[in-house]
């Protein structure tokens, strides 16, 4: 089934591949695929050997007030990546997303659908919810790259609370467009743009 799933995701992409098409390629009943994998996101995580489930991390962070989503999301991501059993394989998976080829495309589609779109949905009817979710994701991926992949000091060894204190306000601003310090900065930037 995993070979069939890899081929299906590689040829059709995460979005277009379905449990049925994977089962058909593997010559098994779709119920057998569902028996081993809860859903398509679980299957793609197994295919690319992602040791953590970004969709579950995000889903857990979505519960609670949206005004605290940035800090919850960042804490959840840091907790997952701080697990020494997870980090090496997660780093490899992240590097593959940056690359080219069918596996990279599949993983990017998976992350877009299972993370960015979930975040955008949680943000509500704001016309720019998808943009806000992508900006927030870029902030989180930047922290992951600098802290875990590139291991730049002092960020690599900063305590979680300090990273959250420094990054969560910007992350929250991306998500909701609010935050005391950043609201002021945005107002200044908008005033400067109008003055020109």
N, C-alpha and C. Protein backbone atom coordinates (compact mmCIF):
# COMPACT_ATOMS: atom_id res chain seq x y z
N UNK A 1 0.82 -1.20 0.00
CA UNK A 1 0.00 0.00 0.00
C UNK A 1 0.86 1.26 0.00
N UNK A 2 1.98 1.22 0.75
CA UNK A 2 2.83 2.41 0.81
C UNK A 2 3.45 2.72 -0.55
N UNK A 3 3.85 1.68 -1.28
CA UNK A 3 4.40 1.90 -2.62
C UNK A 3 3.34 2.50 -3.54
N UNK A 4 2.14 1.97 -3.45
CA UNK A 4 1.04 2.50 -4.27
C UNK A 4 0.75 3.95 -3.89
N UNK A 5 0.75 4.23 -2.60
CA UNK A 5 0.49 5.60 -2.14
C UNK A 5 1.59 6.54 -2.63
N UNK A 6 2.84 6.12 -2.51
CA UNK A 6 3.95 6.96 -2.96
C UNK A 6 3.83 7.25 -4.45
N UNK A 7 3.50 6.23 -5.23
CA UNK A 7 3.35 6.42 -6.68
C UNK A 7 2.18 7.35 -6.98
N UNK A 8 1.08 7.15 -6.30
CA UNK A 8 -0.12 7.97 -6.52
C UNK A 8 0.14 9.43 -6.12
N UNK A 9 0.73 9.65 -4.96
CA UNK A 9 1.05 11.01 -4.53
C UNK A 9 2.06 11.65 -5.48
N UNK A 10 3.04 10.87 -5.91
CA UNK A 10 4.06 11.39 -6.81
C UNK A 10 3.50 11.80 -8.15
N UNK A 11 2.59 11.00 -8.69
CA UNK A 11 2.02 11.29 -10.00
C UNK A 11 0.91 12.34 -9.95
N UNK A 12 0.05 12.24 -8.96
CA UNK A 12 -1.14 13.08 -8.93
C UNK A 12 -1.07 14.23 -7.93
N UNK A 13 -0.14 14.14 -6.98
CA UNK A 13 -0.07 15.15 -5.93
C UNK A 13 -0.99 14.79 -4.78
N UNK A 14 -0.77 15.42 -3.65
CA UNK A 14 -1.53 15.13 -2.44
C UNK A 14 -3.01 15.42 -2.64
N UNK A 15 -3.31 16.55 -3.24
CA UNK A 15 -4.69 17.00 -3.38
C UNK A 15 -5.51 16.03 -4.24
N UNK A 16 -4.96 15.62 -5.37
CA UNK A 16 -5.72 14.80 -6.32
C UNK A 16 -5.75 13.32 -5.95
N UNK A 17 -4.74 12.85 -5.25
CA UNK A 17 -4.74 11.43 -4.86
C UNK A 17 -5.84 11.20 -3.83
N UNK A 18 -6.43 10.02 -3.89
CA UNK A 18 -7.48 9.69 -2.93
C UNK A 18 -7.22 8.30 -2.35
N UNK A 19 -7.87 8.01 -1.25
CA UNK A 19 -7.75 6.67 -0.66
C UNK A 19 -8.21 5.64 -1.68
N UNK A 20 -9.26 5.94 -2.42
CA UNK A 20 -9.76 4.99 -3.44
C UNK A 20 -8.73 4.75 -4.53
N UNK A 21 -8.11 5.82 -5.03
CA UNK A 21 -7.14 5.65 -6.11
C UNK A 21 -5.90 4.90 -5.62
N UNK A 22 -5.53 5.13 -4.38
CA UNK A 22 -4.39 4.41 -3.79
C UNK A 22 -4.74 2.94 -3.64
N UNK A 23 -5.94 2.66 -3.14
CA UNK A 23 -6.39 1.27 -2.98
C UNK A 23 -6.46 0.57 -4.33
N UNK A 24 -6.98 1.27 -5.34
CA UNK A 24 -7.07 0.68 -6.68
C UNK A 24 -5.68 0.32 -7.19
N UNK A 25 -4.73 1.21 -7.02
CA UNK A 25 -3.37 0.96 -7.48
C UNK A 25 -2.74 -0.20 -6.71
N UNK A 26 -3.04 -0.29 -5.42
CA UNK A 26 -2.49 -1.37 -4.59
C UNK A 26 -3.27 -2.67 -4.74
N UNK A 27 -4.37 -2.60 -5.48
CA UNK A 27 -5.25 -3.75 -5.71
C UNK A 27 -5.80 -4.31 -4.40
N UNK A 28 -6.26 -3.38 -3.56
CA UNK A 28 -6.90 -3.75 -2.30
C UNK A 28 -8.19 -2.94 -2.16
N UNK A 29 -9.02 -3.36 -1.24
CA UNK A 29 -10.24 -2.62 -0.95
C UNK A 29 -9.89 -1.35 -0.17
N UNK A 30 -10.57 -0.23 -0.45
CA UNK A 30 -10.29 1.01 0.29
C UNK A 30 -10.43 0.85 1.80
N UNK A 31 -11.30 -0.05 2.24
CA UNK A 31 -11.46 -0.25 3.69
C UNK A 31 -10.18 -0.79 4.33
N UNK A 32 -9.39 -1.52 3.55
CA UNK A 32 -8.11 -2.02 4.08
C UNK A 32 -7.14 -0.85 4.30
N UNK A 33 -7.13 0.09 3.39
CA UNK A 33 -6.29 1.28 3.56
C UNK A 33 -6.73 2.04 4.81
N UNK A 34 -8.05 2.21 4.95
CA UNK A 34 -8.59 2.89 6.14
C UNK A 34 -8.30 2.12 7.43
N UNK A 35 -8.20 0.82 7.33
CA UNK A 35 -7.89 0.01 8.51
C UNK A 35 -6.51 0.36 9.07
N UNK A 36 -5.55 0.58 8.18
CA UNK A 36 -4.18 0.86 8.61
C UNK A 36 -3.89 2.35 8.78
N UNK A 37 -4.63 3.18 8.08
CA UNK A 37 -4.37 4.62 8.12
C UNK A 37 -5.68 5.35 8.36
N UNK A 38 -5.70 6.21 9.38
CA UNK A 38 -6.92 6.94 9.73
C UNK A 38 -7.45 7.78 8.58
N UNK A 39 -6.53 8.41 7.86
CA UNK A 39 -6.93 9.30 6.79
C UNK A 39 -5.75 9.51 5.84
N UNK A 40 -5.97 10.31 4.83
CA UNK A 40 -4.93 10.54 3.82
C UNK A 40 -3.71 11.20 4.42
N UNK A 41 -3.90 12.09 5.39
CA UNK A 41 -2.74 12.75 5.99
C UNK A 41 -1.87 11.76 6.76
N UNK A 42 -2.48 10.76 7.38
CA UNK A 42 -1.69 9.72 8.07
C UNK A 42 -0.90 8.90 7.05
N UNK A 43 -1.51 8.64 5.92
CA UNK A 43 -0.85 7.87 4.87
C UNK A 43 0.34 8.63 4.29
N UNK A 44 0.17 9.91 4.01
CA UNK A 44 1.28 10.69 3.46
C UNK A 44 2.40 10.82 4.48
N UNK A 45 2.06 10.95 5.75
CA UNK A 45 3.09 11.03 6.79
C UNK A 45 3.91 9.75 6.82
N UNK A 46 3.27 8.62 6.63
CA UNK A 46 3.99 7.34 6.61
C UNK A 46 4.83 7.21 5.34
N UNK A 47 4.29 7.63 4.21
CA UNK A 47 5.02 7.54 2.94
C UNK A 47 6.31 8.33 2.99
N UNK A 48 6.26 9.53 3.52
CA UNK A 48 7.47 10.36 3.55
C UNK A 48 8.24 10.19 4.85
N UNK A 49 7.77 9.27 5.68
CA UNK A 49 8.43 8.94 6.95
C UNK A 49 8.60 10.17 7.84
N UNK A 50 7.55 10.97 7.91
CA UNK A 50 7.56 12.12 8.80
C UNK A 50 7.30 11.62 10.21
N UNK A 51 8.21 11.84 11.13
CA UNK A 51 8.06 11.30 12.47
C UNK A 51 7.08 12.06 13.34
N UNK A 52 6.65 13.21 12.86
CA UNK A 52 5.64 13.96 13.61
C UNK A 52 4.52 14.30 12.65
N UNK A 53 3.37 14.57 13.20
CA UNK A 53 2.20 14.86 12.38
C UNK A 53 1.88 16.35 12.50
N UNK A 54 2.37 17.16 11.55
CA UNK A 54 2.12 18.59 11.62
C UNK A 54 0.63 18.92 11.68
N UNK A 55 -0.18 18.12 11.00
CA UNK A 55 -1.62 18.39 11.02
C UNK A 55 -2.19 18.23 12.42
N UNK A 56 -1.70 17.25 13.17
CA UNK A 56 -2.19 17.06 14.55
C UNK A 56 -1.65 18.13 15.49
N UNK A 57 -0.42 18.55 15.27
CA UNK A 57 0.15 19.62 16.09
C UNK A 57 -0.69 20.88 15.93
N UNK A 58 -0.98 21.22 14.69
CA UNK A 58 -1.77 22.42 14.42
C UNK A 58 -3.19 22.25 14.96
N UNK A 59 -3.79 21.09 14.74
CA UNK A 59 -5.16 20.87 15.21
C UNK A 59 -5.25 21.07 16.72
N UNK A 60 -4.27 20.56 17.46
CA UNK A 60 -4.27 20.74 18.91
C UNK A 60 -4.12 22.20 19.30
N UNK A 61 -3.34 22.94 18.54
CA UNK A 61 -3.12 24.36 18.85
C UNK A 61 -4.33 25.22 18.51
N UNK A 62 -5.19 24.75 17.63
CA UNK A 62 -6.34 25.53 17.22
C UNK A 62 -7.40 25.67 18.31
N UNK A 63 -7.40 24.74 19.26
CA UNK A 63 -8.37 24.80 20.35
C UNK A 63 -8.02 25.92 21.31
N UNK A 64 -8.97 26.76 21.63
CA UNK A 64 -8.74 27.87 22.55
C UNK A 64 -8.98 29.19 21.87
N UNK A 65 -8.83 30.27 22.63
CA UNK A 65 -9.10 31.60 22.07
C UNK A 65 -8.13 31.94 20.93
N UNK A 66 -8.66 32.51 19.86
CA UNK A 66 -7.84 32.87 18.72
C UNK A 66 -6.81 33.93 19.10
N UNK A 67 -7.10 34.71 20.15
CA UNK A 67 -6.18 35.76 20.59
C UNK A 67 -4.89 35.19 21.17
N UNK A 68 -4.87 33.91 21.49
CA UNK A 68 -3.68 33.26 22.04
C UNK A 68 -3.13 32.19 21.10
N UNK A 69 -3.64 32.15 19.88
CA UNK A 69 -3.27 31.11 18.92
C UNK A 69 -1.78 31.12 18.60
N UNK A 70 -1.19 32.29 18.44
CA UNK A 70 0.23 32.38 18.09
C UNK A 70 1.12 31.69 19.11
N UNK A 71 0.91 31.97 20.38
CA UNK A 71 1.72 31.35 21.44
C UNK A 71 1.46 29.85 21.52
N UNK A 72 0.18 29.43 21.42
CA UNK A 72 -0.14 28.00 21.48
C UNK A 72 0.50 27.25 20.33
N UNK A 73 0.40 27.82 19.14
CA UNK A 73 0.96 27.18 17.95
C UNK A 73 2.47 27.05 18.08
N UNK A 74 3.13 28.12 18.46
CA UNK A 74 4.59 28.09 18.59
C UNK A 74 5.03 27.10 19.66
N UNK A 75 4.35 27.08 20.81
CA UNK A 75 4.70 26.12 21.87
C UNK A 75 4.52 24.68 21.39
N UNK A 76 3.45 24.41 20.67
CA UNK A 76 3.20 23.06 20.18
C UNK A 76 4.29 22.62 19.20
N UNK A 77 4.68 23.52 18.31
CA UNK A 77 5.72 23.20 17.33
C UNK A 77 7.06 22.98 18.03
N UNK A 78 7.41 23.86 18.95
CA UNK A 78 8.68 23.72 19.68
C UNK A 78 8.70 22.42 20.48
N UNK A 79 7.60 22.08 21.13
CA UNK A 79 7.55 20.84 21.92
C UNK A 79 7.77 19.63 21.03
N UNK A 80 7.17 19.62 19.85
CA UNK A 80 7.34 18.49 18.93
C UNK A 80 8.79 18.40 18.45
N UNK A 81 9.37 19.52 18.05
CA UNK A 81 10.73 19.51 17.53
C UNK A 81 11.78 19.31 18.61
N UNK A 82 11.45 19.62 19.85
CA UNK A 82 12.42 19.42 20.94
C UNK A 82 12.56 17.95 21.33
N UNK A 83 11.71 17.09 20.82
CA UNK A 83 11.80 15.66 21.09
C UNK A 83 13.00 15.09 20.32
N UNK A 84 14.04 14.60 21.03
CA UNK A 84 15.24 14.13 20.34
C UNK A 84 14.99 12.89 19.47
N UNK A 85 13.91 12.17 19.72
CA UNK A 85 13.60 11.00 18.88
C UNK A 85 12.99 11.43 17.55
N UNK A 86 12.43 12.60 17.52
CA UNK A 86 11.72 13.10 16.35
C UNK A 86 12.61 13.98 15.47
N UNK A 87 13.45 14.77 16.09
CA UNK A 87 14.17 15.84 15.39
C UNK A 87 14.97 15.38 14.16
N UNK A 88 15.78 14.32 14.21
CA UNK A 88 16.58 13.97 13.02
C UNK A 88 15.72 13.68 11.79
N UNK A 89 14.70 12.87 11.95
CA UNK A 89 13.85 12.55 10.80
C UNK A 89 13.01 13.74 10.37
N UNK A 90 12.57 14.55 11.32
CA UNK A 90 11.79 15.74 10.99
C UNK A 90 12.64 16.73 10.21
N UNK A 91 13.90 16.84 10.59
CA UNK A 91 14.83 17.73 9.88
C UNK A 91 15.01 17.25 8.45
N UNK A 92 15.17 15.95 8.27
CA UNK A 92 15.30 15.38 6.93
C UNK A 92 14.06 15.66 6.11
N UNK A 93 12.89 15.49 6.71
CA UNK A 93 11.63 15.75 5.99
C UNK A 93 11.54 17.22 5.60
N UNK A 94 11.92 18.11 6.50
CA UNK A 94 11.88 19.54 6.18
C UNK A 94 12.82 19.87 5.03
N UNK A 95 13.99 19.30 5.05
CA UNK A 95 14.94 19.54 3.95
C UNK A 95 14.37 19.05 2.63
N UNK A 96 13.62 17.94 2.66
CA UNK A 96 13.05 17.41 1.42
C UNK A 96 11.97 18.33 0.87
N UNK A 97 11.26 19.03 1.74
CA UNK A 97 10.22 19.97 1.29
C UNK A 97 10.86 21.10 0.50
N UNK A 98 12.05 21.49 0.90
CA UNK A 98 12.74 22.59 0.25
C UNK A 98 13.22 22.18 -1.13
N UNK A 99 13.46 20.89 -1.32
CA UNK A 99 13.97 20.38 -2.59
C UNK A 99 12.92 20.32 -3.69
N UNK A 100 13.25 19.60 -4.73
CA UNK A 100 12.38 19.43 -5.89
C UNK A 100 11.93 17.98 -5.97
N UNK A 101 11.11 17.69 -6.95
CA UNK A 101 10.68 16.32 -7.20
C UNK A 101 9.32 16.02 -6.61
N UNK A 102 8.82 14.82 -6.91
CA UNK A 102 7.47 14.45 -6.50
C UNK A 102 7.28 14.41 -4.99
N UNK A 103 8.26 13.93 -4.25
CA UNK A 103 8.11 13.85 -2.79
C UNK A 103 8.01 15.25 -2.19
N UNK A 104 8.82 16.16 -2.69
CA UNK A 104 8.78 17.54 -2.18
C UNK A 104 7.43 18.18 -2.51
N UNK A 105 6.97 17.98 -3.73
CA UNK A 105 5.67 18.54 -4.13
C UNK A 105 4.54 17.98 -3.26
N UNK A 106 4.57 16.67 -3.04
CA UNK A 106 3.54 16.03 -2.25
C UNK A 106 3.52 16.57 -0.83
N UNK A 107 4.70 16.71 -0.23
CA UNK A 107 4.78 17.19 1.14
C UNK A 107 4.34 18.66 1.23
N UNK A 108 4.71 19.46 0.25
CA UNK A 108 4.26 20.86 0.24
C UNK A 108 2.74 20.95 0.13
N UNK A 109 2.15 20.14 -0.74
CA UNK A 109 0.69 20.14 -0.87
C UNK A 109 0.03 19.70 0.43
N UNK A 110 0.61 18.68 1.05
CA UNK A 110 0.09 18.19 2.33
C UNK A 110 0.13 19.30 3.38
N UNK A 111 1.26 19.98 3.50
CA UNK A 111 1.40 21.05 4.49
C UNK A 111 0.45 22.20 4.19
N UNK A 112 0.30 22.53 2.93
CA UNK A 112 -0.61 23.62 2.57
C UNK A 112 -2.05 23.28 2.95
N UNK A 113 -2.48 22.08 2.60
CA UNK A 113 -3.87 21.71 2.87
C UNK A 113 -4.13 21.45 4.34
N UNK A 114 -3.25 20.71 4.98
CA UNK A 114 -3.50 20.25 6.35
C UNK A 114 -3.10 21.28 7.41
N UNK A 115 -2.29 22.25 7.03
CA UNK A 115 -1.86 23.23 8.03
C UNK A 115 -2.35 24.63 7.65
N UNK A 116 -1.92 25.13 6.51
CA UNK A 116 -2.27 26.49 6.14
C UNK A 116 -3.78 26.67 6.04
N UNK A 117 -4.45 25.75 5.38
CA UNK A 117 -5.89 25.91 5.21
C UNK A 117 -6.65 25.73 6.53
N UNK A 118 -6.16 24.86 7.42
CA UNK A 118 -6.79 24.73 8.74
C UNK A 118 -6.64 26.02 9.53
N UNK A 119 -5.44 26.58 9.47
CA UNK A 119 -5.23 27.87 10.15
C UNK A 119 -6.15 28.94 9.58
N UNK A 120 -6.21 29.01 8.26
CA UNK A 120 -7.05 30.02 7.62
C UNK A 120 -8.52 29.84 8.00
N UNK A 121 -8.96 28.61 8.05
CA UNK A 121 -10.34 28.33 8.45
C UNK A 121 -10.59 28.80 9.88
N UNK A 122 -9.64 28.54 10.77
CA UNK A 122 -9.79 28.96 12.17
C UNK A 122 -9.82 30.48 12.30
N UNK A 123 -9.14 31.17 11.39
CA UNK A 123 -9.10 32.62 11.46
C UNK A 123 -10.41 33.26 11.02
N UNK A 124 -11.25 32.49 10.37
CA UNK A 124 -12.59 32.98 10.05
C UNK A 124 -12.71 33.61 8.69
N UNK A 125 -13.67 34.50 8.59
CA UNK A 125 -14.07 35.06 7.30
C UNK A 125 -13.23 36.22 6.81
N UNK A 126 -12.17 36.54 7.52
CA UNK A 126 -11.32 37.65 7.06
C UNK A 126 -10.88 37.38 5.63
N UNK A 127 -10.97 38.37 4.78
CA UNK A 127 -10.64 38.20 3.38
C UNK A 127 -9.21 37.76 3.13
N UNK A 128 -8.35 38.03 4.08
CA UNK A 128 -6.94 37.67 3.91
C UNK A 128 -6.51 36.55 4.85
N UNK A 129 -7.44 35.70 5.28
CA UNK A 129 -7.12 34.63 6.24
C UNK A 129 -6.05 33.68 5.71
N UNK A 130 -6.13 33.36 4.42
CA UNK A 130 -5.14 32.45 3.85
C UNK A 130 -3.75 33.10 3.84
N UNK A 131 -3.68 34.37 3.49
CA UNK A 131 -2.41 35.10 3.52
C UNK A 131 -1.86 35.14 4.93
N UNK A 132 -2.72 35.43 5.90
CA UNK A 132 -2.29 35.47 7.31
C UNK A 132 -1.74 34.12 7.75
N UNK A 133 -2.41 33.04 7.36
CA UNK A 133 -1.95 31.70 7.73
C UNK A 133 -0.59 31.41 7.11
N UNK A 134 -0.40 31.81 5.86
CA UNK A 134 0.89 31.58 5.21
C UNK A 134 2.00 32.43 5.82
N UNK A 135 1.69 33.65 6.18
CA UNK A 135 2.69 34.49 6.86
C UNK A 135 3.07 33.89 8.21
N UNK A 136 2.09 33.40 8.94
CA UNK A 136 2.37 32.75 10.22
C UNK A 136 3.22 31.51 10.01
N UNK A 137 2.88 30.72 9.00
CA UNK A 137 3.66 29.51 8.72
C UNK A 137 5.10 29.86 8.36
N UNK A 138 5.28 30.95 7.61
CA UNK A 138 6.65 31.35 7.25
C UNK A 138 7.45 31.72 8.50
N UNK A 139 6.79 32.35 9.46
CA UNK A 139 7.44 32.71 10.72
C UNK A 139 7.85 31.44 11.48
N UNK A 140 6.94 30.47 11.56
CA UNK A 140 7.22 29.22 12.29
C UNK A 140 8.32 28.43 11.60
N UNK A 141 8.25 28.31 10.28
CA UNK A 141 9.28 27.58 9.54
C UNK A 141 10.63 28.27 9.71
N UNK A 142 10.64 29.58 9.74
CA UNK A 142 11.90 30.31 9.98
C UNK A 142 12.50 29.96 11.33
N UNK A 143 11.68 29.91 12.36
CA UNK A 143 12.17 29.53 13.70
C UNK A 143 12.71 28.10 13.67
N UNK A 144 11.97 27.19 13.03
CA UNK A 144 12.42 25.79 12.94
C UNK A 144 13.76 25.71 12.23
N UNK A 145 13.88 26.41 11.09
CA UNK A 145 15.13 26.36 10.33
C UNK A 145 16.30 26.87 11.15
N UNK A 146 16.13 28.03 11.78
CA UNK A 146 17.24 28.64 12.52
C UNK A 146 17.57 27.87 13.79
N UNK A 147 16.56 27.37 14.49
CA UNK A 147 16.78 26.69 15.77
C UNK A 147 17.25 25.25 15.60
N UNK A 148 16.62 24.50 14.69
CA UNK A 148 16.86 23.06 14.61
C UNK A 148 17.69 22.62 13.42
N UNK A 149 17.48 23.21 12.26
CA UNK A 149 18.19 22.76 11.07
C UNK A 149 19.56 23.42 10.97
N UNK A 150 19.60 24.73 11.04
CA UNK A 150 20.88 25.45 10.96
C UNK A 150 21.57 25.56 12.31
N UNK A 151 20.81 25.43 13.39
CA UNK A 151 21.32 25.47 14.77
C UNK A 151 22.14 26.73 15.05
N UNK A 152 21.60 27.88 14.64
CA UNK A 152 22.26 29.15 14.92
C UNK A 152 22.13 29.47 16.41
N UNK A 153 23.24 29.87 17.00
CA UNK A 153 23.21 30.35 18.39
C UNK A 153 23.02 31.86 18.37
N UNK A 154 22.34 32.37 19.32
CA UNK A 154 21.86 31.76 20.56
C UNK A 154 20.48 31.13 20.45
N UNK A 155 19.82 31.25 19.28
CA UNK A 155 18.44 30.75 19.16
C UNK A 155 18.36 29.25 19.40
N UNK A 156 19.37 28.51 18.95
CA UNK A 156 19.33 27.05 19.10
C UNK A 156 19.24 26.61 20.55
N UNK A 157 19.78 27.39 21.46
CA UNK A 157 19.76 26.98 22.87
C UNK A 157 18.89 27.87 23.76
N UNK A 158 18.16 28.79 23.17
CA UNK A 158 17.26 29.63 23.98
C UNK A 158 16.17 28.78 24.62
N UNK A 159 15.80 29.09 25.84
CA UNK A 159 14.67 28.39 26.46
C UNK A 159 13.39 28.65 25.66
N UNK A 160 12.52 27.66 25.66
CA UNK A 160 11.25 27.76 24.93
C UNK A 160 10.48 29.02 25.30
N UNK A 161 10.41 29.33 26.59
CA UNK A 161 9.65 30.50 27.04
C UNK A 161 10.17 31.79 26.42
N UNK A 162 11.48 31.89 26.27
CA UNK A 162 12.04 33.12 25.69
C UNK A 162 11.73 33.21 24.20
N UNK A 163 11.82 32.10 23.50
CA UNK A 163 11.46 32.12 22.08
C UNK A 163 10.00 32.52 21.92
N UNK A 164 9.14 31.92 22.73
CA UNK A 164 7.71 32.24 22.65
C UNK A 164 7.48 33.72 22.96
N UNK A 165 8.13 34.22 24.00
CA UNK A 165 7.95 35.63 24.37
C UNK A 165 8.39 36.57 23.25
N UNK A 166 9.42 36.19 22.52
CA UNK A 166 9.94 37.07 21.47
C UNK A 166 9.24 36.91 20.12
N UNK A 167 8.81 35.70 19.81
CA UNK A 167 8.27 35.42 18.48
C UNK A 167 6.74 35.42 18.44
N UNK A 168 6.10 34.96 19.50
CA UNK A 168 4.64 34.82 19.49
C UNK A 168 3.89 36.12 19.18
N UNK A 169 4.34 37.30 19.66
CA UNK A 169 3.61 38.52 19.29
C UNK A 169 3.58 38.77 17.78
N UNK A 170 4.70 38.53 17.11
CA UNK A 170 4.73 38.70 15.65
C UNK A 170 3.86 37.64 14.98
N UNK A 171 3.94 36.43 15.48
CA UNK A 171 3.12 35.34 14.95
C UNK A 171 1.64 35.66 15.13
N UNK A 172 1.28 36.13 16.31
CA UNK A 172 -0.11 36.49 16.58
C UNK A 172 -0.58 37.61 15.65
N UNK A 173 0.30 38.57 15.40
CA UNK A 173 -0.07 39.66 14.51
C UNK A 173 -0.34 39.13 13.10
N UNK A 174 0.50 38.19 12.64
CA UNK A 174 0.25 37.59 11.32
C UNK A 174 -1.10 36.89 11.31
N UNK A 175 -1.42 36.20 12.38
CA UNK A 175 -2.66 35.42 12.43
C UNK A 175 -3.91 36.29 12.52
N UNK A 176 -3.87 37.28 13.39
CA UNK A 176 -5.10 38.03 13.67
C UNK A 176 -5.02 39.51 13.32
N UNK A 177 -3.83 39.99 13.02
CA UNK A 177 -3.68 41.41 12.73
C UNK A 177 -3.75 42.28 13.96
N UNK A 178 -3.57 41.67 15.13
CA UNK A 178 -3.61 42.43 16.37
C UNK A 178 -2.38 42.13 17.22
N UNK A 179 -2.11 43.03 18.10
CA UNK A 179 -0.98 42.89 19.00
C UNK A 179 -0.50 44.28 19.34
N UNK A 180 -0.29 44.60 20.60
CA UNK A 180 -0.03 45.99 21.00
C UNK A 180 1.18 46.63 20.34
N UNK A 181 2.28 45.95 20.31
CA UNK A 181 3.50 46.55 19.76
C UNK A 181 3.39 46.67 18.24
N UNK A 182 2.90 45.60 17.62
CA UNK A 182 2.86 45.58 16.17
C UNK A 182 1.76 46.46 15.60
N UNK A 183 0.67 46.65 16.34
CA UNK A 183 -0.37 47.56 15.87
C UNK A 183 0.22 48.96 15.66
N UNK A 184 1.05 49.39 16.60
CA UNK A 184 1.69 50.69 16.51
C UNK A 184 2.62 50.75 15.31
N UNK A 185 3.40 49.70 15.11
CA UNK A 185 4.33 49.66 13.98
C UNK A 185 3.58 49.69 12.65
N UNK A 186 2.47 48.96 12.57
CA UNK A 186 1.68 48.95 11.35
C UNK A 186 1.10 50.33 11.08
N UNK A 187 0.58 50.98 12.10
CA UNK A 187 0.01 52.31 11.94
C UNK A 187 1.07 53.28 11.42
N UNK A 188 2.27 53.19 11.96
CA UNK A 188 3.37 54.05 11.51
C UNK A 188 3.69 53.78 10.04
N UNK A 189 3.76 52.50 9.68
CA UNK A 189 4.09 52.14 8.30
C UNK A 189 3.01 52.63 7.35
N UNK A 190 1.74 52.50 7.74
CA UNK A 190 0.65 52.96 6.89
C UNK A 190 0.66 54.48 6.76
N UNK A 191 0.95 55.18 7.85
CA UNK A 191 1.03 56.64 7.80
C UNK A 191 2.17 57.09 6.89
N UNK A 192 3.30 56.41 6.97
CA UNK A 192 4.44 56.74 6.12
C UNK A 192 4.10 56.53 4.66
N UNK A 193 3.38 55.45 4.37
CA UNK A 193 3.01 55.15 2.99
C UNK A 193 2.05 56.21 2.44
N UNK A 194 1.14 56.68 3.29
CA UNK A 194 0.19 57.70 2.86
C UNK A 194 0.85 59.06 2.67
N UNK A 195 1.91 59.33 3.42
CA UNK A 195 2.62 60.61 3.33
C UNK A 195 3.42 60.74 2.04
N UNK A 196 3.78 59.61 1.44
CA UNK A 196 4.64 59.65 0.24
C UNK A 196 3.91 60.01 -1.00
